Protein backbone atom coordinates (compact mmCIF):
# COMPACT_ATOMS: atom_id res chain seq x y z
CA UNK A 1 20.49 -10.76 -14.37
CA UNK A 2 20.59 -11.19 -10.85
CA UNK A 3 17.43 -12.10 -9.45
CA UNK A 4 16.79 -12.55 -5.19
CA UNK A 5 13.77 -14.46 -3.60
CA UNK A 6 13.05 -14.39 -0.17
CA UNK A 7 10.94 -15.72 2.44
CA UNK A 8 8.31 -12.80 1.25
CA UNK A 9 6.08 -14.38 -0.15
CA UNK A 10 5.16 -17.09 -3.00
CA UNK A 11 7.05 -15.97 -5.75
CA UNK A 12 8.29 -12.85 -4.90
CA UNK A 13 11.72 -11.92 -6.06
CA UNK A 14 14.08 -8.54 -6.30
CA UNK A 15 14.77 -7.37 -9.85
CA UNK A 16 16.70 -4.60 -10.19
CA UNK A 17 14.79 -1.38 -8.20
CA UNK A 18 11.47 -3.42 -8.14
CA UNK A 19 9.70 -6.33 -6.38
CA UNK A 20 7.97 -8.89 -9.00
CA UNK A 21 5.51 -10.93 -7.94
CA UNK A 22 1.82 -12.67 -8.45
CA UNK A 23 -1.48 -12.68 -7.84
CA UNK A 24 -3.94 -15.30 -8.61
CA UNK A 25 -7.51 -15.96 -8.65
CA UNK A 26 -8.61 -19.45 -9.25
CA UNK A 27 -6.15 -20.77 -11.96
CA UNK A 28 -5.90 -17.32 -13.51
CA UNK A 29 -2.63 -15.78 -12.64
CA UNK A 30 -1.21 -11.97 -13.02
CA UNK A 31 2.24 -10.70 -12.94
CA UNK A 32 2.67 -7.73 -10.86
CA UNK A 33 5.65 -5.55 -9.84
CA UNK A 34 5.95 -2.52 -7.20
CA UNK A 35 8.98 -0.05 -7.08
CA UNK A 36 11.51 -0.35 -4.78
CA UNK A 37 10.57 3.32 -4.28
CA UNK A 38 7.08 3.02 -3.17
CA UNK A 39 8.31 0.10 -0.69
CA UNK A 40 10.85 2.85 0.61
CA UNK A 41 8.13 5.21 0.72
CA UNK A 42 5.35 3.01 3.03
CA UNK A 43 7.85 1.81 4.81
CA UNK A 44 9.07 2.70 8.58
CA UNK A 45 12.37 2.63 7.26
CA UNK A 46 14.23 2.71 3.90
CA UNK A 47 15.43 -0.59 2.97
CA UNK A 48 17.93 -0.45 0.30
CA UNK A 49 19.46 -3.80 -0.13
CA UNK A 50 17.43 -6.57 -1.74
CA UNK A 51 17.21 -8.26 1.54
CA UNK A 52 15.98 -5.52 3.42
CA UNK A 53 13.63 -4.76 0.55
CA UNK A 54 11.94 -8.36 0.37
CA UNK A 55 11.09 -7.89 3.99
CA UNK A 56 9.63 -4.65 3.99
CA UNK A 57 7.49 -6.22 0.73
CA UNK A 58 6.52 -9.08 2.71
CA UNK A 59 4.90 -6.63 5.64
CA UNK A 60 3.74 -4.69 2.98
CA UNK A 61 1.80 -7.08 0.43
CA UNK A 62 -1.39 -7.00 1.67
CA UNK A 63 -1.63 -3.37 0.83
CA UNK A 64 0.14 -3.67 -2.33
CA UNK A 65 -1.73 -6.55 -3.34
CA UNK A 66 -5.17 -4.35 -2.56
CA UNK A 67 -3.66 -1.06 -5.27
CA UNK A 68 -2.67 -4.16 -7.10
CA UNK A 69 -6.26 -6.15 -7.43
CA UNK A 70 -7.65 -2.48 -8.12
CA UNK A 71 -5.52 -1.64 -10.75
CA UNK A 72 -6.33 -5.16 -12.69
CA UNK A 73 -9.92 -4.28 -11.99
CA UNK A 74 -9.78 -1.43 -13.70
CA UNK A 75 -7.89 -2.66 -16.67
CA UNK A 76 -10.18 -2.22 -19.96
CA UNK A 77 -11.19 -5.84 -21.21
CA UNK A 78 -8.43 -7.67 -22.90
CA UNK A 79 -5.79 -5.55 -21.54
CA UNK A 80 -2.64 -8.02 -20.27
CA UNK A 81 1.32 -7.00 -19.58
CA UNK A 82 2.71 -6.60 -15.63
CA UNK A 83 0.35 -4.54 -13.32
CA UNK A 84 2.99 -1.67 -11.93
CA UNK A 85 2.22 -0.65 -8.55
CA UNK A 86 3.89 2.65 -7.93
CA UNK A 87 4.43 5.10 -4.82
CA UNK A 88 1.68 7.03 -5.49
CA UNK A 89 -1.01 4.41 -5.50
CA UNK A 90 -0.23 3.79 -2.08
CA UNK A 91 -0.86 6.86 -0.81
CA UNK A 92 -4.34 6.21 -0.86
CA UNK A 93 -5.62 3.24 1.87
CA UNK A 94 -9.07 2.02 -0.07
CA UNK A 95 -9.21 -1.39 1.91
CA UNK A 96 -11.28 -3.05 -1.28
CA UNK A 97 -9.30 -5.87 -2.67
CA UNK A 98 -11.29 -8.91 -3.79
CA UNK A 99 -9.81 -10.75 -6.14
CA UNK A 100 -13.15 -12.15 -6.95
CA UNK A 101 -14.06 -9.02 -8.60
CA UNK A 102 -11.12 -8.96 -10.41
CA UNK A 103 -11.59 -9.69 -14.46
CA UNK A 104 -10.30 -13.25 -15.87
CA UNK A 105 -7.21 -12.90 -18.02
CA UNK A 106 -3.74 -14.04 -17.52
CA UNK A 107 -0.75 -12.39 -17.94
CA UNK A 108 2.51 -13.29 -18.85
């Protein structure tokens, strides 16, 4: 299985058709992924090669993390697993990404 990493941020890596990354609050880490299609749709271009997708992710990371934190906060208590960010999730630019508001659960 091919996993590609880059300077796109701590722990960000390309795997198949998505970028895997983590967000952390204190000592709690949440595993997340964003689809390649979401990155392509939110980018100025249509990055396709892994290095280009990771570079676009680095540019969009803050916006993607905003969505990931909103999804984490909306989870029912005790919910675990990877937080997935899809293309439609990036359509709404609600800038409310405060990690300190996330519930303290660990995934993975």
